[in-house]
Amino acid sequence: MADKTVDREPWTGCAVMFLRSLLPDVDMLSLYKDQQGKFNVFKVIKLTLIDSAGGLGGCEILKVHDAEPFLGVEVKFVDVAACQHFLEGYSSGAVRQSLCQHACRLFALPQEFAVETQLKAGTQILDLCLGDLEVCLQHIHLSQPERLRDEEIDHLEQQLQSQALGPTPQPTTTPQEESPLPSNCFKFQNRVFEDRMLTPADVQSFSNGVGRQWRHVGRALGKNCRALKGPAIDNLAYEYEREGLYEQAYQLLSRFIQAEGRAAKLSRLVRALEDSKLTSLAENILDVQPRE
């Protein structure tokens, strides 16, 4: 009887994503070589992977290196579902879109910023076979990582984690006397924001950034919105399938605003994005700046 131990081994694979800015005045490779720019470039890449792989646990960055004129990012996938999710986002253009949005926010770049990308697994150029995701998955699985994570990446990960946790809060003698949150405000990542009705700019930012996750956000909004309950989400997907993901997301939020009126508040969208594990998109809509 054949030994099936191998079948029970965890799925892993490796791919390298190459990035190059299409804006003449912005060189991602030079930014990464600069000590001040290095962390923000890393954060842009990390947030993009979190968006496109469906969370933190499915992949990790092993190395960022000079691949003149590109910046090379070696990624290890430890979950086949996360890898497939990433490939779908890469194929649809959502990965490039996410990269551009995070770069615009963290580097205060103009909105027309764009990047050129290439994806390889070993010697295979995956851009040439994106029509068959199973083949891409196989190439990535066959390309096993040859190194442990670089010490530089370890340091950047620790720096990012420290930034996410923020400064250690100082003990207070009377925590129960903390001022109550005003009714026209809400909290996000321990920061207070003024609540307001959703604007056309919010709808545009959401539609540009949410990608395939718009259905998850719609279901989260639908918990307290009758117009988005039942088959409403699937009907939207079918009705606007030809127009693509942007229009599907745009119509979702437009329908929410039309149904809820003055109750279509920013806080409800942010809460739905948090429930859908899309905190980076919430940061983008709220224009949250990185902590110093």
C-alpha atoms as a PDB file:
ATOM      1  CA  MET A   1       0.000   0.000   0.000  1.00  0.00           C
ATOM      2  CA  ALA A   2       1.359   3.410  -0.985  1.00  0.00           C
ATOM      3  CA  ASP A   3       2.406   5.749   1.799  1.00  0.00           C
ATOM      4  CA  LYS A   4       0.001   8.733   1.796  1.00  0.00           C
ATOM      5  CA  THR A   5       1.875  10.742   4.394  1.00  0.00           C
ATOM      6  CA  VAL A   6       2.814  13.296   1.746  1.00  0.00           C
ATOM      7  CA  ASP A   7      -0.879  14.030   1.082  1.00  0.00           C
ATOM      8  CA  ARG A   8      -1.309  15.249   4.634  1.00  0.00           C
ATOM      9  CA  GLU A   9       1.586  17.710   4.507  1.00  0.00           C
ATOM     10  CA  PRO A  10       0.533  21.371   4.576  1.00  0.00           C
ATOM     11  CA  TRP A  11       0.286  23.093   1.195  1.00  0.00           C
ATOM     12  CA  THR A  12       3.080  25.591   0.537  1.00  0.00           C
ATOM     13  CA  GLY A  13       4.462  27.398  -2.448  1.00  0.00           C
ATOM     14  CA  CYS A  14       6.487  30.405  -3.481  1.00  0.00           C
ATOM     15  CA  ALA A  15       6.136  33.212  -6.009  1.00  0.00           C
ATOM     16  CA  VAL A  16       8.012  36.421  -6.752  1.00  0.00           C
ATOM     17  CA  MET A  17       6.079  39.577  -7.627  1.00  0.00           C
ATOM     18  CA  PHE A  18       8.049  42.253  -9.479  1.00  0.00           C
ATOM     19  CA  LEU A  19       6.930  45.876  -9.136  1.00  0.00           C
ATOM     20  CA  ARG A  20       7.849  48.992 -11.089  1.00  0.00           C
ATOM     21  CA  SER A  21       6.235  52.429 -10.910  1.00  0.00           C
ATOM     22  CA  LEU A  22       4.870  53.839 -14.173  1.00  0.00           C
ATOM     23  CA  LEU A  23       5.162  57.366 -12.778  1.00  0.00           C
ATOM     24  CA  PRO A  24       8.511  58.829 -13.962  1.00  0.00           C
ATOM     25  CA  ASP A  25       9.127  60.705 -10.705  1.00  0.00           C
ATOM     26  CA  VAL A  26       8.517  57.694  -8.446  1.00  0.00           C
ATOM     27  CA  ASP A  27      11.022  54.830  -8.280  1.00  0.00           C
ATOM     28  CA  MET A  28       9.892  52.067  -5.884  1.00  0.00           C
ATOM     29  CA  LEU A  29      13.345  50.492  -5.922  1.00  0.00           C
ATOM     30  CA  SER A  30      15.001  53.759  -4.872  1.00  0.00           C
ATOM     31  CA  LEU A  31      12.332  54.352  -2.242  1.00  0.00           C
ATOM     32  CA  TYR A  32      13.003  50.940  -0.715  1.00  0.00           C
ATOM     33  CA  LYS A  33      16.749  51.569  -0.654  1.00  0.00           C
ATOM     34  CA  ASP A  34      16.136  54.787   1.273  1.00  0.00           C
ATOM     35  CA  GLN A  35      15.961  54.180   5.033  1.00  0.00           C
ATOM     36  CA  GLN A  36      13.004  56.525   5.488  1.00  0.00           C
ATOM     37  CA  GLY A  37      11.078  55.116   2.526  1.00  0.00           C
ATOM     38  CA  LYS A  38      11.834  51.428   3.174  1.00  0.00           C
ATOM     39  CA  PHE A  39       9.209  50.948   5.897  1.00  0.00           C
ATOM     40  CA  ASN A  40       6.418  52.626   3.935  1.00  0.00           C
ATOM     41  CA  VAL A  41       7.184  50.584   0.804  1.00  0.00           C
ATOM     42  CA  PHE A  42       7.103  47.430   2.934  1.00  0.00           C
ATOM     43  CA  LYS A  43       3.811  48.518   4.498  1.00  0.00           C
ATOM     44  CA  VAL A  44       2.285  49.131   1.051  1.00  0.00           C
ATOM     45  CA  ILE A  45       3.270  45.607  -0.031  1.00  0.00           C
ATOM     46  CA  LYS A  46       2.125  44.028   3.242  1.00  0.00           C
ATOM     47  CA  LEU A  47      -1.294  45.727   3.195  1.00  0.00           C
ATOM     48  CA  THR A  48      -1.761  44.733  -0.442  1.00  0.00           C
ATOM     49  CA  LEU A  49      -1.040  41.076   0.371  1.00  0.00           C
ATOM     50  CA  ILE A  50      -3.444  41.176   3.317  1.00  0.00           C
ATOM     51  CA  ASP A  51      -6.137  42.576   1.008  1.00  0.00           C
ATOM     52  CA  SER A  52      -5.497  40.135  -1.826  1.00  0.00           C
ATOM     53  CA  ALA A  53      -4.826  36.926   0.144  1.00  0.00           C
ATOM     54  CA  GLY A  54      -7.832  37.319   2.418  1.00  0.00           C
ATOM     55  CA  GLY A  55      -6.014  38.078   5.674  1.00  0.00           C
ATOM     56  CA  LEU A  56      -2.736  37.739   7.552  1.00  0.00           C
ATOM     57  CA  GLY A  57      -2.363  33.978   7.875  1.00  0.00           C
ATOM     58  CA  GLY A  58      -2.117  32.711   4.298  1.00  0.00           C
ATOM     59  CA  CYS A  59       1.216  34.136   3.187  1.00  0.00           C
ATOM     60  CA  GLU A  60       4.390  35.863   4.343  1.00  0.00           C
ATOM     61  CA  ILE A  61       7.054  38.031   2.741  1.00  0.00           C
ATOM     62  CA  LEU A  62      10.443  36.267   2.722  1.00  0.00           C
ATOM     63  CA  LYS A  63      12.599  38.845   0.962  1.00  0.00           C
ATOM     64  CA  VAL A  64      12.423  42.163  -0.879  1.00  0.00           C
ATOM     65  CA  HIS A  65      15.317  42.569  -3.302  1.00  0.00           C
ATOM     66  CA  ASP A  66      16.781  44.627  -6.122  1.00  0.00           C
ATOM     67  CA  ALA A  67      15.691  43.289  -9.526  1.00  0.00           C
ATOM     68  CA  GLU A  68      16.587  46.434 -11.509  1.00  0.00           C
ATOM     69  CA  PRO A  69      14.478  48.115 -12.784  1.00  0.00           C
ATOM     70  CA  PHE A  70      11.930  46.202 -10.675  1.00  0.00           C
ATOM     71  CA  LEU A  71      11.544  45.695  -6.955  1.00  0.00           C
ATOM     72  CA  GLY A  72      11.260  41.945  -6.327  1.00  0.00           C
ATOM     73  CA  VAL A  73       9.022  40.608  -3.544  1.00  0.00           C
ATOM     74  CA  GLU A  74       9.394  36.934  -2.669  1.00  0.00           C
ATOM     75  CA  VAL A  75       6.213  35.581  -1.104  1.00  0.00           C
ATOM     76  CA  LYS A  76       5.641  32.227   0.606  1.00  0.00           C
ATOM     77  CA  PHE A  77       2.068  30.914   0.561  1.00  0.00           C
ATOM     78  CA  VAL A  78       1.074  28.498   3.320  1.00  0.00           C
ATOM     79  CA  ASP A  79      -2.565  28.068   2.354  1.00  0.00           C
ATOM     80  CA  VAL A  80      -3.894  27.072  -1.068  1.00  0.00           C
ATOM     81  CA  ALA A  81      -7.103  29.092  -0.614  1.00  0.00           C
ATOM     82  CA  ALA A  82      -5.101  32.248   0.168  1.00  0.00           C
ATOM     83  CA  CYS A  83      -2.892  31.636  -2.859  1.00  0.00           C
ATOM     84  CA  GLN A  84      -5.914  31.175  -5.115  1.00  0.00           C
ATOM     85  CA  HIS A  85      -7.507  34.318  -3.693  1.00  0.00           C
ATOM     86  CA  PHE A  86      -4.294  36.238  -4.442  1.00  0.00           C
ATOM     87  CA  LEU A  87      -4.122  34.875  -8.003  1.00  0.00           C
ATOM     88  CA  GLU A  88      -7.730  35.858  -8.671  1.00  0.00           C
ATOM     89  CA  GLY A  89      -7.013  39.384  -7.431  1.00  0.00           C
ATOM     90  CA  TYR A  90      -3.805  39.576  -9.457  1.00  0.00           C
ATOM     91  CA  SER A  91      -5.576  38.362 -12.598  1.00  0.00           C
ATOM     92  CA  SER A  92      -8.456  40.850 -12.207  1.00  0.00           C
ATOM     93  CA  GLY A  93      -6.139  43.815 -11.561  1.00  0.00           C
ATOM     94  CA  ALA A  94      -7.278  44.190  -7.938  1.00  0.00           C
ATOM     95  CA  VAL A  95      -3.720  43.645  -6.653  1.00  0.00           C
ATOM     96  CA  ARG A  96      -2.352  46.502  -8.761  1.00  0.00           C
ATOM     97  CA  GLN A  97      -5.280  48.662  -7.711  1.00  0.00           C
ATOM     98  CA  SER A  98      -4.633  47.945  -4.041  1.00  0.00           C
ATOM     99  CA  LEU A  99      -0.916  48.667  -4.433  1.00  0.00           C
ATOM    100  CA  CYS A 100      -1.652  52.019  -6.029  1.00  0.00           C
ATOM    101  CA  GLN A 101      -4.197  53.031  -3.391  1.00  0.00           C
ATOM    102  CA  HIS A 102      -1.909  52.216  -0.468  1.00  0.00           C
ATOM    103  CA  ALA A 103       1.065  53.910  -2.181  1.00  0.00           C
ATOM    104  CA  CYS A 104      -0.975  57.051  -2.891  1.00  0.00           C
ATOM    105  CA  ARG A 105      -2.015  57.242   0.758  1.00  0.00           C
ATOM    106  CA  LEU A 106       1.328  56.462   2.418  1.00  0.00           C
ATOM    107  CA  PHE A 107       3.518  58.481   0.043  1.00  0.00           C
ATOM    108  CA  ALA A 108       1.008  61.259  -0.735  1.00  0.00           C
ATOM    109  CA  LEU A 109       1.263  60.441  -4.447  1.00  0.00           C
ATOM    110  CA  PRO A 110      -1.080  61.714  -7.167  1.00  0.00           C
ATOM    111  CA  GLN A 111      -4.141  59.578  -7.922  1.00  0.00           C
ATOM    112  CA  GLU A 112      -2.871  58.698 -11.412  1.00  0.00           C
ATOM    113  CA  PHE A 113      -0.047  56.638  -9.863  1.00  0.00           C
ATOM    114  CA  ALA A 114       0.163  53.183 -11.459  1.00  0.00           C
ATOM    115  CA  VAL A 115       2.492  50.188 -11.288  1.00  0.00           C
ATOM    116  CA  GLU A 116       3.699  47.544 -13.699  1.00  0.00           C
ATOM    117  CA  THR A 117       3.758  44.032 -12.248  1.00  0.00           C
ATOM    118  CA  GLN A 118       5.099  40.641 -13.202  1.00  0.00           C
ATOM    119  CA  LEU A 119       4.557  37.368 -11.339  1.00  0.00           C
ATOM    120  CA  LYS A 120       6.938  34.411 -11.501  1.00  0.00           C
ATOM    121  CA  ALA A 121       7.203  31.007  -9.854  1.00  0.00           C
ATOM    122  CA  GLY A 122      10.677  29.622 -10.426  1.00  0.00           C
ATOM    123  CA  THR A 123      11.345  30.175 -14.141  1.00  0.00           C
ATOM    124  CA  GLN A 124       7.635  30.258 -15.026  1.00  0.00           C
ATOM    125  CA  ILE A 125       6.113  33.648 -15.887  1.00  0.00           C
ATOM    126  CA  LEU A 126       2.628  33.298 -14.438  1.00  0.00           C
ATOM    127  CA  ASP A 127       1.288  36.338 -16.324  1.00  0.00           C
ATOM    128  CA  LEU A 128       1.286  34.087 -19.413  1.00  0.00           C
ATOM    129  CA  CYS A 129      -1.045  31.486 -17.900  1.00  0.00           C
ATOM    130  CA  LEU A 130      -3.411  33.504 -15.694  1.00  0.00           C
ATOM    131  CA  GLY A 131      -6.327  32.117 -17.687  1.00  0.00           C
ATOM    132  CA  ASP A 132      -5.775  28.767 -15.955  1.00  0.00           C
ATOM    133  CA  LEU A 133      -5.431  29.386 -12.210  1.00  0.00           C
ATOM    134  CA  GLU A 134      -4.951  25.674 -11.522  1.00  0.00           C
ATOM    135  CA  VAL A 135      -1.787  25.706 -13.623  1.00  0.00           C
ATOM    136  CA  CYS A 136      -0.574  28.815 -11.762  1.00  0.00           C
ATOM    137  CA  LEU A 137      -1.247  27.126  -8.412  1.00  0.00           C
ATOM    138  CA  GLN A 138       0.722  24.088  -9.544  1.00  0.00           C
ATOM    139  CA  HIS A 139       3.718  26.216 -10.605  1.00  0.00           C
ATOM    140  CA  ILE A 140       3.666  28.058  -7.252  1.00  0.00           C
ATOM    141  CA  HIS A 141       3.389  24.783  -5.330  1.00  0.00           C
ATOM    142  CA  LEU A 142       6.344  23.318  -7.246  1.00  0.00           C
ATOM    143  CA  SER A 143       8.401  26.436  -6.482  1.00  0.00           C
ATOM    144  CA  GLN A 144       9.167  25.776  -2.832  1.00  0.00           C
ATOM    145  CA  PRO A 145      10.887  28.557  -0.843  1.00  0.00           C
ATOM    146  CA  GLU A 146      14.642  28.109  -0.663  1.00  0.00           C
ATOM    147  CA  ARG A 147      15.299  30.469   2.236  1.00  0.00           C
ATOM    148  CA  LEU A 148      14.018  31.552   5.607  1.00  0.00           C
ATOM    149  CA  ARG A 149      12.694  35.070   6.034  1.00  0.00           C
ATOM    150  CA  ASP A 150      15.399  37.766   5.804  1.00  0.00           C
ATOM    151  CA  GLU A 151      16.455  39.470   9.018  1.00  0.00           C
ATOM    152  CA  GLU A 152      15.559  42.794   7.397  1.00  0.00           C
ATOM    153  CA  ILE A 153      11.989  41.557   6.839  1.00  0.00           C
ATOM    154  CA  ASP A 154      11.839  40.349  10.455  1.00  0.00           C
ATOM    155  CA  HIS A 155      12.769  43.843  11.592  1.00  0.00           C
ATOM    156  CA  LEU A 156      10.181  45.489   9.317  1.00  0.00           C
ATOM    157  CA  GLU A 157       7.474  43.067  10.506  1.00  0.00           C
ATOM    158  CA  GLN A 158       8.269  43.915  14.134  1.00  0.00           C
ATOM    159  CA  GLN A 159       8.190  47.628  13.301  1.00  0.00           C
ATOM    160  CA  LEU A 160       4.816  47.227  11.594  1.00  0.00           C
ATOM    161  CA  GLN A 161       3.419  45.265  14.520  1.00  0.00           C
ATOM    162  CA  SER A 162       4.632  47.911  16.971  1.00  0.00           C
ATOM    163  CA  GLN A 163       2.976  50.620  14.875  1.00  0.00           C
ATOM    164  CA  ALA A 164      -0.294  48.682  14.768  1.00  0.00           C
ATOM    165  CA  LEU A 165      -0.295  48.261  18.543  1.00  0.00           C
ATOM    166  CA  GLY A 166       0.536  51.930  19.047  1.00  0.00           C
ATOM    167  CA  PRO A 167       2.170  53.439  22.131  1.00  0.00           C
ATOM    168  CA  THR A 168       1.683  51.686  25.443  1.00  0.00           C
ATOM    169  CA  PRO A 169      -1.282  53.353  27.157  1.00  0.00           C
ATOM    170  CA  GLN A 170      -0.494  55.137  30.404  1.00  0.00           C
ATOM    171  CA  PRO A 171      -2.354  53.882  33.477  1.00  0.00           C
ATOM    172  CA  THR A 172      -5.115  56.131  34.727  1.00  0.00           C
ATOM    173  CA  THR A 173      -6.413  56.368  38.231  1.00  0.00           C
ATOM    174  CA  THR A 174     -10.063  56.773  37.255  1.00  0.00           C
ATOM    175  CA  PRO A 175     -10.719  54.886  33.994  1.00  0.00           C
ATOM    176  CA  GLN A 176     -14.437  54.790  34.756  1.00  0.00           C
ATOM    177  CA  GLU A 177     -14.554  58.569  34.331  1.00  0.00           C
ATOM    178  CA  GLU A 178     -13.563  58.440  30.664  1.00  0.00           C
ATOM    179  CA  SER A 179     -15.648  60.905  28.661  1.00  0.00           C
ATOM    180  CA  PRO A 180     -18.526  59.241  26.795  1.00  0.00           C
ATOM    181  CA  LEU A 181     -18.357  59.194  22.998  1.00  0.00           C
ATOM    182  CA  PRO A 182     -20.560  61.912  21.442  1.00  0.00           C
ATOM    183  CA  SER A 183     -23.562  60.578  19.519  1.00  0.00           C
ATOM    184  CA  ASN A 184     -22.226  62.032  16.259  1.00  0.00           C
ATOM    185  CA  CYS A 185     -18.864  60.230  16.545  1.00  0.00           C
ATOM    186  CA  PHE A 186     -17.552  56.669  16.307  1.00  0.00           C
ATOM    187  CA  LYS A 187     -14.326  54.839  17.136  1.00  0.00           C
ATOM    188  CA  PHE A 188     -12.031  53.048  14.688  1.00  0.00           C
ATOM    189  CA  GLN A 189      -8.665  51.629  15.776  1.00  0.00           C
ATOM    190  CA  ASN A 190      -8.941  53.560  19.059  1.00  0.00           C
ATOM    191  CA  ARG A 191      -9.352  56.849  17.219  1.00  0.00           C
ATOM    192  CA  VAL A 192     -12.484  59.003  17.257  1.00  0.00           C
ATOM    193  CA  PHE A 193     -14.036  60.086  13.950  1.00  0.00           C
ATOM    194  CA  GLU A 194     -16.985  62.340  13.278  1.00  0.00           C
ATOM    195  CA  ASP A 195     -19.878  60.379  11.836  1.00  0.00           C
ATOM    196  CA  ARG A 196     -21.573  61.702   8.703  1.00  0.00           C
ATOM    197  CA  MET A 197     -23.589  60.608   5.709  1.00  0.00           C
ATOM    198  CA  LEU A 198     -21.707  58.784   2.977  1.00  0.00           C
ATOM    199  CA  THR A 199     -20.480  61.015   0.150  1.00  0.00           C
ATOM    200  CA  PRO A 200     -19.862  60.335  -3.577  1.00  0.00           C
ATOM    201  CA  ALA A 201     -16.126  60.319  -2.766  1.00  0.00           C
ATOM    202  CA  ASP A 202     -16.714  57.536  -0.207  1.00  0.00           C
ATOM    203  CA  VAL A 203     -18.646  55.534  -2.795  1.00  0.00           C
ATOM    204  CA  GLN A 204     -15.861  55.973  -5.348  1.00  0.00           C
ATOM    205  CA  SER A 205     -13.106  54.984  -2.887  1.00  0.00           C
ATOM    206  CA  PHE A 206     -15.096  51.932  -1.833  1.00  0.00           C
ATOM    207  CA  SER A 207     -15.837  50.868  -5.414  1.00  0.00           C
ATOM    208  CA  ASN A 208     -12.195  51.297  -6.462  1.00  0.00           C
ATOM    209  CA  GLY A 209     -10.781  49.322  -3.557  1.00  0.00           C
ATOM    210  CA  VAL A 210     -13.158  46.571  -2.490  1.00  0.00           C
ATOM    211  CA  GLY A 211     -12.713  44.255  -5.494  1.00  0.00           C
ATOM    212  CA  ARG A 212     -14.302  40.809  -5.187  1.00  0.00           C
ATOM    213  CA  GLN A 213     -15.048  41.373  -1.513  1.00  0.00           C
ATOM    214  CA  TRP A 214     -18.007  43.671  -2.261  1.00  0.00           C
ATOM    215  CA  ARG A 215     -20.471  40.828  -1.635  1.00  0.00           C
ATOM    216  CA  HIS A 216     -19.081  40.230   1.885  1.00  0.00           C
ATOM    217  CA  VAL A 217     -19.452  43.915   2.680  1.00  0.00           C
ATOM    218  CA  GLY A 218     -22.970  43.883   1.224  1.00  0.00           C
ATOM    219  CA  ARG A 219     -23.993  41.017   3.478  1.00  0.00           C
ATOM    220  CA  ALA A 220     -22.516  42.823   6.492  1.00  0.00           C
ATOM    221  CA  LEU A 221     -24.492  45.955   5.599  1.00  0.00           C
ATOM    222  CA  GLY A 222     -27.553  43.804   4.958  1.00  0.00           C
ATOM    223  CA  LYS A 223     -27.747  42.756   8.609  1.00  0.00           C
ATOM    224  CA  ASN A 224     -29.385  46.130   9.295  1.00  0.00           C
ATOM    225  CA  CYS A 225     -30.623  47.111   5.834  1.00  0.00           C
ATOM    226  CA  ARG A 226     -33.770  45.500   4.464  1.00  0.00           C
ATOM    227  CA  ALA A 227     -32.911  46.466   0.871  1.00  0.00           C
ATOM    228  CA  LEU A 228     -29.788  44.270   0.961  1.00  0.00           C
ATOM    229  CA  LYS A 229     -31.345  41.190   2.548  1.00  0.00           C
ATOM    230  CA  GLY A 230     -32.308  37.913   0.866  1.00  0.00           C
ATOM    231  CA  PRO A 231     -31.330  37.558  -2.804  1.00  0.00           C
ATOM    232  CA  ALA A 232     -30.560  41.286  -3.243  1.00  0.00           C
ATOM    233  CA  ILE A 233     -26.759  40.783  -3.326  1.00  0.00           C
ATOM    234  CA  ASP A 234     -26.922  37.941  -5.870  1.00  0.00           C
ATOM    235  CA  ASN A 235     -29.362  39.951  -7.979  1.00  0.00           C
ATOM    236  CA  LEU A 236     -26.911  42.877  -8.046  1.00  0.00           C
ATOM    237  CA  ALA A 237     -24.068  40.556  -9.043  1.00  0.00           C
ATOM    238  CA  TYR A 238     -26.127  39.150 -11.914  1.00  0.00           C
ATOM    239  CA  GLU A 239     -27.542  42.476 -13.083  1.00  0.00           C
ATOM    240  CA  TYR A 240     -24.154  44.233 -13.282  1.00  0.00           C
ATOM    241  CA  GLU A 241     -21.922  41.273 -14.118  1.00  0.00           C
ATOM    242  CA  ARG A 242     -21.026  42.662 -17.552  1.00  0.00           C
ATOM    243  CA  GLU A 243     -20.036  46.053 -16.103  1.00  0.00           C
ATOM    244  CA  GLY A 244     -17.487  44.473 -13.721  1.00  0.00           C
ATOM    245  CA  LEU A 245     -16.534  44.667 -10.051  1.00  0.00           C
ATOM    246  CA  TYR A 246     -16.373  48.468  -9.811  1.00  0.00           C
ATOM    247  CA  GLU A 247     -19.954  48.899 -10.991  1.00  0.00           C
ATOM    248  CA  GLN A 248     -21.239  46.053  -8.797  1.00  0.00           C
ATOM    249  CA  ALA A 249     -19.665  47.668  -5.727  1.00  0.00           C
ATOM    250  CA  TYR A 250     -20.865  51.127  -6.796  1.00  0.00           C
ATOM    251  CA  GLN A 251     -24.461  49.947  -7.206  1.00  0.00           C
ATOM    252  CA  LEU A 252     -24.320  48.121  -3.842  1.00  0.00           C
ATOM    253  CA  LEU A 253     -23.414  51.256  -1.908  1.00  0.00           C
ATOM    254  CA  SER A 254     -25.761  53.420  -3.992  1.00  0.00           C
ATOM    255  CA  ARG A 255     -28.638  51.083  -3.141  1.00  0.00           C
ATOM    256  CA  PHE A 256     -27.684  51.198   0.540  1.00  0.00           C
ATOM    257  CA  ILE A 257     -27.701  55.027   0.511  1.00  0.00           C
ATOM    258  CA  GLN A 258     -30.979  55.173  -1.410  1.00  0.00           C
ATOM    259  CA  ALA A 259     -32.682  52.768   1.017  1.00  0.00           C
ATOM    260  CA  GLU A 260     -31.276  54.178   4.264  1.00  0.00           C
ATOM    261  CA  GLY A 261     -31.298  57.890   3.493  1.00  0.00           C
ATOM    262  CA  ARG A 262     -29.836  59.934   6.356  1.00  0.00           C
ATOM    263  CA  ALA A 263     -29.088  56.705   8.221  1.00  0.00           C
ATOM    264  CA  ALA A 264     -26.529  55.676   5.567  1.00  0.00           C
ATOM    265  CA  LYS A 265     -23.672  56.732   7.799  1.00  0.00           C
ATOM    266  CA  LEU A 266     -19.911  56.393   7.460  1.00  0.00           C
ATOM    267  CA  SER A 267     -19.757  54.430  10.726  1.00  0.00           C
ATOM    268  CA  ARG A 268     -21.968  51.677   9.274  1.00  0.00           C
ATOM    269  CA  LEU A 269     -19.728  51.254   6.241  1.00  0.00           C
ATOM    270  CA  VAL A 270     -16.574  51.195   8.399  1.00  0.00           C
ATOM    271  CA  ARG A 271     -18.149  48.586  10.687  1.00  0.00           C
ATOM    272  CA  ALA A 272     -19.078  46.440   7.666  1.00  0.00           C
ATOM    273  CA  LEU A 273     -15.527  46.726   6.310  1.00  0.00           C
ATOM    274  CA  GLU A 274     -14.115  45.651   9.688  1.00  0.00           C
ATOM    275  CA  ASP A 275     -16.509  42.674   9.758  1.00  0.00           C
ATOM    276  CA  SER A 276     -15.256  41.749   6.265  1.00  0.00           C
ATOM    277  CA  LYS A 277     -11.551  41.956   7.320  1.00  0.00           C
ATOM    278  CA  LEU A 278     -11.011  45.000   5.060  1.00  0.00           C
ATOM    279  CA  THR A 279      -9.580  47.402   7.624  1.00  0.00           C
ATOM    280  CA  SER A 280      -7.026  48.774   5.165  1.00  0.00           C
ATOM    281  CA  LEU A 281      -9.837  49.934   2.880  1.00  0.00           C
ATOM    282  CA  ALA A 282     -11.540  51.547   5.883  1.00  0.00           C
ATOM    283  CA  GLU A 283      -8.243  53.343   6.626  1.00  0.00           C
ATOM    284  CA  ASN A 284      -8.135  54.575   3.039  1.00  0.00           C
ATOM    285  CA  ILE A 285     -11.708  55.914   3.139  1.00  0.00           C
ATOM    286  CA  LEU A 286     -11.075  57.591   6.496  1.00  0.00           C
ATOM    287  CA  ASP A 287      -7.696  58.890   5.268  1.00  0.00           C
ATOM    288  CA  VAL A 288      -5.967  57.444   8.324  1.00  0.00           C
ATOM    289  CA  GLN A 289      -2.331  58.482   8.250  1.00  0.00           C
ATOM    290  CA  PRO A 290       0.387  56.107   9.540  1.00  0.00           C
ATOM    291  CA  ARG A 291       1.515  56.727  13.097  1.00  0.00           C
ATOM    292  CA  GLU A 292       4.920  58.354  13.434  1.00  0.00           C
END
